[in-house]
N, C-alpha and C. Protein backbone atom coordinates (compact mmCIF):
# COMPACT_ATOMS: atom_id res chain seq x y z
N MET A 1 0.85 -1.18 0.00
CA MET A 1 0.00 0.00 0.00
C MET A 1 0.89 1.24 0.00
N PRO A 2 0.62 2.22 -0.88
CA PRO A 2 1.47 3.41 -0.93
C PRO A 2 1.38 4.23 0.35
N GLU A 3 2.49 4.84 0.70
CA GLU A 3 2.48 5.72 1.87
C GLU A 3 1.80 7.03 1.51
N SER A 4 1.29 7.71 2.52
CA SER A 4 0.59 8.98 2.25
C SER A 4 0.92 10.00 3.32
N PRO A 5 2.16 10.44 3.40
CA PRO A 5 2.52 11.41 4.43
C PRO A 5 1.72 12.70 4.29
N GLY A 6 1.35 13.21 5.45
CA GLY A 6 0.67 14.50 5.46
C GLY A 6 -0.83 14.46 5.38
N LEU A 7 -1.42 13.26 5.28
CA LEU A 7 -2.88 13.18 5.27
C LEU A 7 -3.38 12.69 6.62
N GLU A 8 -4.57 13.17 6.98
CA GLU A 8 -5.18 12.76 8.24
C GLU A 8 -6.64 12.41 8.03
N LEU A 9 -7.14 11.56 8.91
CA LEU A 9 -8.55 11.23 9.01
C LEU A 9 -8.99 11.71 10.38
N ALA A 10 -9.97 12.60 10.42
CA ALA A 10 -10.47 13.13 11.69
C ALA A 10 -11.83 12.53 11.99
N PHE A 11 -12.03 12.19 13.24
CA PHE A 11 -13.31 11.72 13.75
C PHE A 11 -13.94 12.87 14.54
N VAL A 12 -15.17 13.19 14.19
CA VAL A 12 -15.92 14.24 14.89
C VAL A 12 -17.31 13.68 15.13
N THR A 13 -17.84 13.83 16.34
CA THR A 13 -19.22 13.43 16.59
C THR A 13 -20.11 14.66 16.69
N ALA A 14 -21.38 14.46 16.37
CA ALA A 14 -22.37 15.54 16.42
C ALA A 14 -23.67 14.97 16.99
N PRO A 15 -24.54 15.84 17.49
CA PRO A 15 -25.77 15.36 18.12
C PRO A 15 -26.83 14.85 17.15
N ASP A 16 -26.78 15.30 15.89
CA ASP A 16 -27.82 14.90 14.93
C ASP A 16 -27.30 15.08 13.51
N VAL A 17 -28.05 14.53 12.55
CA VAL A 17 -27.64 14.56 11.15
C VAL A 17 -27.56 15.99 10.62
N GLU A 18 -28.49 16.84 11.00
CA GLU A 18 -28.50 18.21 10.50
C GLU A 18 -27.24 18.96 10.93
N THR A 19 -26.86 18.82 12.19
CA THR A 19 -25.65 19.47 12.68
C THR A 19 -24.43 18.91 11.99
N ALA A 20 -24.37 17.59 11.86
CA ALA A 20 -23.24 16.94 11.20
C ALA A 20 -23.10 17.41 9.76
N ALA A 21 -24.22 17.47 9.04
CA ALA A 21 -24.19 17.89 7.64
C ALA A 21 -23.76 19.36 7.52
N ARG A 22 -24.22 20.19 8.42
CA ARG A 22 -23.84 21.62 8.40
C ARG A 22 -22.34 21.77 8.62
N ILE A 23 -21.80 21.05 9.60
CA ILE A 23 -20.37 21.12 9.87
C ILE A 23 -19.57 20.54 8.70
N GLY A 24 -20.00 19.39 8.21
CA GLY A 24 -19.30 18.75 7.09
C GLY A 24 -19.28 19.62 5.85
N ARG A 25 -20.41 20.21 5.51
CA ARG A 25 -20.48 21.07 4.33
C ARG A 25 -19.55 22.27 4.48
N ALA A 26 -19.53 22.88 5.67
CA ALA A 26 -18.66 24.05 5.89
C ALA A 26 -17.19 23.65 5.73
N LEU A 27 -16.80 22.51 6.27
CA LEU A 27 -15.40 22.09 6.16
C LEU A 27 -14.99 21.86 4.72
N VAL A 28 -15.88 21.27 3.91
CA VAL A 28 -15.56 21.04 2.50
C VAL A 28 -15.59 22.36 1.73
N GLU A 29 -16.62 23.18 1.93
CA GLU A 29 -16.70 24.46 1.23
C GLU A 29 -15.50 25.34 1.52
N GLU A 30 -15.01 25.30 2.75
CA GLU A 30 -13.87 26.13 3.14
C GLU A 30 -12.52 25.46 2.84
N ARG A 31 -12.55 24.31 2.18
CA ARG A 31 -11.37 23.56 1.76
C ARG A 31 -10.49 23.13 2.93
N LEU A 32 -11.13 22.93 4.08
CA LEU A 32 -10.44 22.33 5.22
C LEU A 32 -10.49 20.81 5.14
N ALA A 33 -11.39 20.29 4.30
CA ALA A 33 -11.53 18.85 4.09
C ALA A 33 -11.87 18.60 2.63
N ALA A 34 -11.39 17.47 2.12
CA ALA A 34 -11.75 17.07 0.76
C ALA A 34 -13.10 16.37 0.75
N CYS A 35 -13.39 15.64 1.80
CA CYS A 35 -14.60 14.82 1.88
C CYS A 35 -14.95 14.62 3.34
N VAL A 36 -16.25 14.62 3.63
CA VAL A 36 -16.73 14.30 4.97
C VAL A 36 -17.86 13.28 4.81
N ASN A 37 -17.67 12.12 5.43
CA ASN A 37 -18.75 11.13 5.47
C ASN A 37 -19.55 11.36 6.74
N VAL A 38 -20.88 11.34 6.62
CA VAL A 38 -21.78 11.50 7.75
C VAL A 38 -22.41 10.14 8.03
N VAL A 39 -22.11 9.58 9.20
CA VAL A 39 -22.54 8.24 9.56
C VAL A 39 -23.50 8.33 10.74
N PRO A 40 -24.81 8.22 10.49
CA PRO A 40 -25.77 8.34 11.58
C PRO A 40 -25.87 7.04 12.39
N GLY A 41 -26.46 7.18 13.56
CA GLY A 41 -26.86 6.00 14.33
C GLY A 41 -25.79 5.36 15.18
N ILE A 42 -24.76 6.10 15.59
CA ILE A 42 -23.79 5.51 16.50
C ILE A 42 -24.26 5.75 17.93
N THR A 43 -23.84 4.90 18.83
CA THR A 43 -24.13 5.06 20.25
C THR A 43 -22.83 5.38 20.96
N SER A 44 -22.82 6.48 21.68
CA SER A 44 -21.63 6.89 22.43
C SER A 44 -21.90 6.73 23.92
N ILE A 45 -20.97 6.10 24.60
CA ILE A 45 -21.02 5.93 26.05
C ILE A 45 -19.78 6.62 26.60
N TYR A 46 -19.97 7.58 27.49
CA TYR A 46 -18.85 8.39 27.95
C TYR A 46 -19.14 8.94 29.34
N ARG A 47 -18.09 9.37 30.01
CA ARG A 47 -18.24 10.01 31.32
C ARG A 47 -18.21 11.51 31.10
N TRP A 48 -19.19 12.22 31.65
CA TRP A 48 -19.26 13.68 31.53
C TRP A 48 -19.79 14.24 32.84
N LYS A 49 -18.99 15.10 33.46
CA LYS A 49 -19.37 15.75 34.71
C LYS A 49 -19.81 14.72 35.75
N ASP A 50 -18.95 13.72 35.96
CA ASP A 50 -19.11 12.67 36.97
C ASP A 50 -20.30 11.74 36.76
N ALA A 51 -20.83 11.70 35.55
CA ALA A 51 -21.93 10.77 35.25
C ALA A 51 -21.61 10.02 33.96
N VAL A 52 -21.98 8.75 33.92
CA VAL A 52 -21.81 7.99 32.69
C VAL A 52 -23.06 8.23 31.84
N GLU A 53 -22.83 8.70 30.62
CA GLU A 53 -23.91 9.06 29.70
C GLU A 53 -23.94 8.09 28.53
N THR A 54 -25.12 7.91 27.95
CA THR A 54 -25.29 7.15 26.72
C THR A 54 -26.14 7.99 25.79
N GLU A 55 -25.62 8.29 24.60
CA GLU A 55 -26.33 9.14 23.64
C GLU A 55 -26.21 8.57 22.24
N THR A 56 -27.23 8.78 21.43
CA THR A 56 -27.15 8.50 20.00
C THR A 56 -26.52 9.72 19.34
N GLU A 57 -25.51 9.49 18.53
CA GLU A 57 -24.81 10.58 17.86
C GLU A 57 -24.61 10.24 16.40
N VAL A 58 -24.01 11.17 15.69
CA VAL A 58 -23.65 11.03 14.29
C VAL A 58 -22.14 11.21 14.19
N LEU A 59 -21.49 10.33 13.43
CA LEU A 59 -20.04 10.40 13.27
C LEU A 59 -19.69 11.04 11.94
N LEU A 60 -18.77 11.98 11.96
CA LEU A 60 -18.21 12.54 10.74
C LEU A 60 -16.81 11.97 10.57
N LEU A 61 -16.53 11.46 9.36
CA LEU A 61 -15.19 11.01 8.99
C LEU A 61 -14.64 12.06 8.02
N VAL A 62 -13.63 12.78 8.44
CA VAL A 62 -13.15 13.95 7.72
C VAL A 62 -11.76 13.66 7.14
N LYS A 63 -11.62 13.79 5.81
CA LYS A 63 -10.34 13.57 5.16
C LYS A 63 -9.69 14.92 4.90
N THR A 64 -8.47 15.10 5.42
CA THR A 64 -7.82 16.40 5.36
C THR A 64 -6.30 16.26 5.28
N LEU A 65 -5.62 17.38 5.25
CA LEU A 65 -4.16 17.44 5.30
C LEU A 65 -3.73 17.74 6.74
N ALA A 66 -2.61 17.15 7.13
CA ALA A 66 -2.08 17.42 8.47
C ALA A 66 -1.80 18.90 8.66
N THR A 67 -1.42 19.59 7.59
CA THR A 67 -1.12 21.02 7.70
C THR A 67 -2.36 21.85 8.01
N ARG A 68 -3.55 21.29 7.81
CA ARG A 68 -4.80 22.02 8.09
C ARG A 68 -5.46 21.56 9.38
N GLY A 69 -4.81 20.64 10.10
CA GLY A 69 -5.40 20.07 11.30
C GLY A 69 -5.81 21.08 12.35
N ALA A 70 -4.93 22.00 12.67
CA ALA A 70 -5.25 23.00 13.69
C ALA A 70 -6.40 23.89 13.24
N ASP A 71 -6.43 24.26 11.97
CA ASP A 71 -7.52 25.08 11.44
C ASP A 71 -8.85 24.30 11.48
N LEU A 72 -8.78 23.02 11.14
CA LEU A 72 -9.98 22.17 11.19
C LEU A 72 -10.50 22.09 12.62
N ASP A 73 -9.61 21.85 13.58
CA ASP A 73 -10.01 21.78 14.99
C ASP A 73 -10.72 23.07 15.41
N ALA A 74 -10.13 24.20 15.07
CA ALA A 74 -10.69 25.49 15.47
C ALA A 74 -12.05 25.72 14.82
N ARG A 75 -12.19 25.38 13.55
CA ARG A 75 -13.46 25.60 12.85
C ARG A 75 -14.56 24.70 13.40
N VAL A 76 -14.23 23.46 13.72
CA VAL A 76 -15.22 22.57 14.33
C VAL A 76 -15.69 23.17 15.66
N ARG A 77 -14.76 23.67 16.47
CA ARG A 77 -15.16 24.28 17.75
C ARG A 77 -16.11 25.46 17.53
N GLU A 78 -15.86 26.26 16.49
CA GLU A 78 -16.73 27.41 16.19
C GLU A 78 -18.14 26.97 15.77
N LEU A 79 -18.22 25.90 15.00
CA LEU A 79 -19.50 25.47 14.42
C LEU A 79 -20.30 24.55 15.32
N HIS A 80 -19.66 23.96 16.30
CA HIS A 80 -20.25 22.84 17.06
C HIS A 80 -21.05 23.31 18.27
N PRO A 81 -22.18 22.65 18.55
CA PRO A 81 -22.97 23.04 19.72
C PRO A 81 -22.44 22.49 21.04
N TYR A 82 -21.58 21.47 21.01
CA TYR A 82 -21.09 20.88 22.26
C TYR A 82 -20.09 21.80 22.95
N GLU A 83 -20.08 21.74 24.26
CA GLU A 83 -19.10 22.49 25.05
C GLU A 83 -17.68 22.01 24.72
N VAL A 84 -17.51 20.71 24.57
CA VAL A 84 -16.21 20.12 24.23
C VAL A 84 -16.43 19.14 23.07
N PRO A 85 -16.40 19.63 21.84
CA PRO A 85 -16.62 18.72 20.71
C PRO A 85 -15.44 17.76 20.53
N GLU A 86 -15.79 16.56 20.08
CA GLU A 86 -14.76 15.56 19.79
C GLU A 86 -14.14 15.86 18.43
N VAL A 87 -12.82 16.00 18.42
CA VAL A 87 -12.05 16.03 17.19
C VAL A 87 -10.81 15.18 17.47
N VAL A 88 -10.75 14.02 16.84
CA VAL A 88 -9.61 13.13 16.99
C VAL A 88 -9.03 12.92 15.60
N ARG A 89 -7.75 13.27 15.41
CA ARG A 89 -7.12 13.16 14.09
C ARG A 89 -6.07 12.06 14.11
N LEU A 90 -6.12 11.22 13.07
CA LEU A 90 -5.16 10.12 12.93
C LEU A 90 -4.42 10.26 11.61
N ASP A 91 -3.14 9.91 11.61
CA ASP A 91 -2.37 9.93 10.38
C ASP A 91 -2.85 8.82 9.45
N VAL A 92 -2.95 9.14 8.18
CA VAL A 92 -3.24 8.15 7.15
C VAL A 92 -1.89 7.61 6.70
N VAL A 93 -1.71 6.29 6.78
CA VAL A 93 -0.41 5.71 6.45
C VAL A 93 -0.42 5.02 5.08
N GLY A 94 -1.56 4.92 4.44
CA GLY A 94 -1.61 4.32 3.13
C GLY A 94 -3.02 4.31 2.60
N GLY A 95 -3.15 3.84 1.36
CA GLY A 95 -4.46 3.76 0.73
C GLY A 95 -4.35 3.85 -0.77
N SER A 96 -5.45 4.06 -1.42
CA SER A 96 -5.50 4.19 -2.87
C SER A 96 -4.81 5.49 -3.28
N LEU A 97 -3.71 5.38 -3.99
CA LEU A 97 -2.93 6.56 -4.35
C LEU A 97 -3.74 7.60 -5.12
N PRO A 98 -4.56 7.22 -6.11
CA PRO A 98 -5.36 8.25 -6.80
C PRO A 98 -6.31 8.98 -5.84
N TYR A 99 -6.90 8.26 -4.89
CA TYR A 99 -7.80 8.91 -3.93
C TYR A 99 -7.02 9.85 -3.02
N LEU A 100 -5.88 9.38 -2.53
CA LEU A 100 -5.08 10.21 -1.63
C LEU A 100 -4.57 11.46 -2.34
N ASP A 101 -4.20 11.32 -3.61
CA ASP A 101 -3.79 12.49 -4.40
C ASP A 101 -4.96 13.47 -4.55
N TRP A 102 -6.17 12.93 -4.75
CA TRP A 102 -7.35 13.78 -4.86
C TRP A 102 -7.57 14.57 -3.57
N VAL A 103 -7.44 13.89 -2.42
CA VAL A 103 -7.58 14.60 -1.14
C VAL A 103 -6.60 15.75 -1.08
N ARG A 104 -5.35 15.50 -1.43
CA ARG A 104 -4.33 16.56 -1.42
C ARG A 104 -4.73 17.73 -2.32
N SER A 105 -5.31 17.40 -3.48
CA SER A 105 -5.65 18.47 -4.43
C SER A 105 -6.86 19.29 -4.01
N GLU A 106 -7.72 18.75 -3.16
CA GLU A 106 -8.95 19.43 -2.77
C GLU A 106 -8.86 20.26 -1.51
N VAL A 107 -7.84 20.01 -0.69
CA VAL A 107 -7.68 20.75 0.56
C VAL A 107 -6.63 21.84 0.36
N SER A 108 -6.98 23.06 0.72
CA SER A 108 -6.02 24.16 0.62
C SER A 108 -4.98 24.01 1.71
N SER A 109 -3.70 24.07 1.33
CA SER A 109 -2.65 23.90 2.34
C SER A 109 -2.12 25.19 2.85
């Protein structure tokens, strides 16, 4: 599998499909992401303010450049209704070279 230095996959959760779509569209329109997949129907179990919570959420899978990671984090915080929105970014270590090249071409560095 070809290496793909400089690409990241970010995980972001949102409370509902409308919020997720709004955030995803803004990230793509602003060229902070090449593509955002909106995956409804996940169940999140987490500790918040000394209580264990269970909520249905929507997952966004965000394809971006590592050089835009800090900007992506900041923009998600601006757009997100949560007090502490989840943004977890992982390095992409390989994949389909034409797709990875497309991601690079669509995100402003």
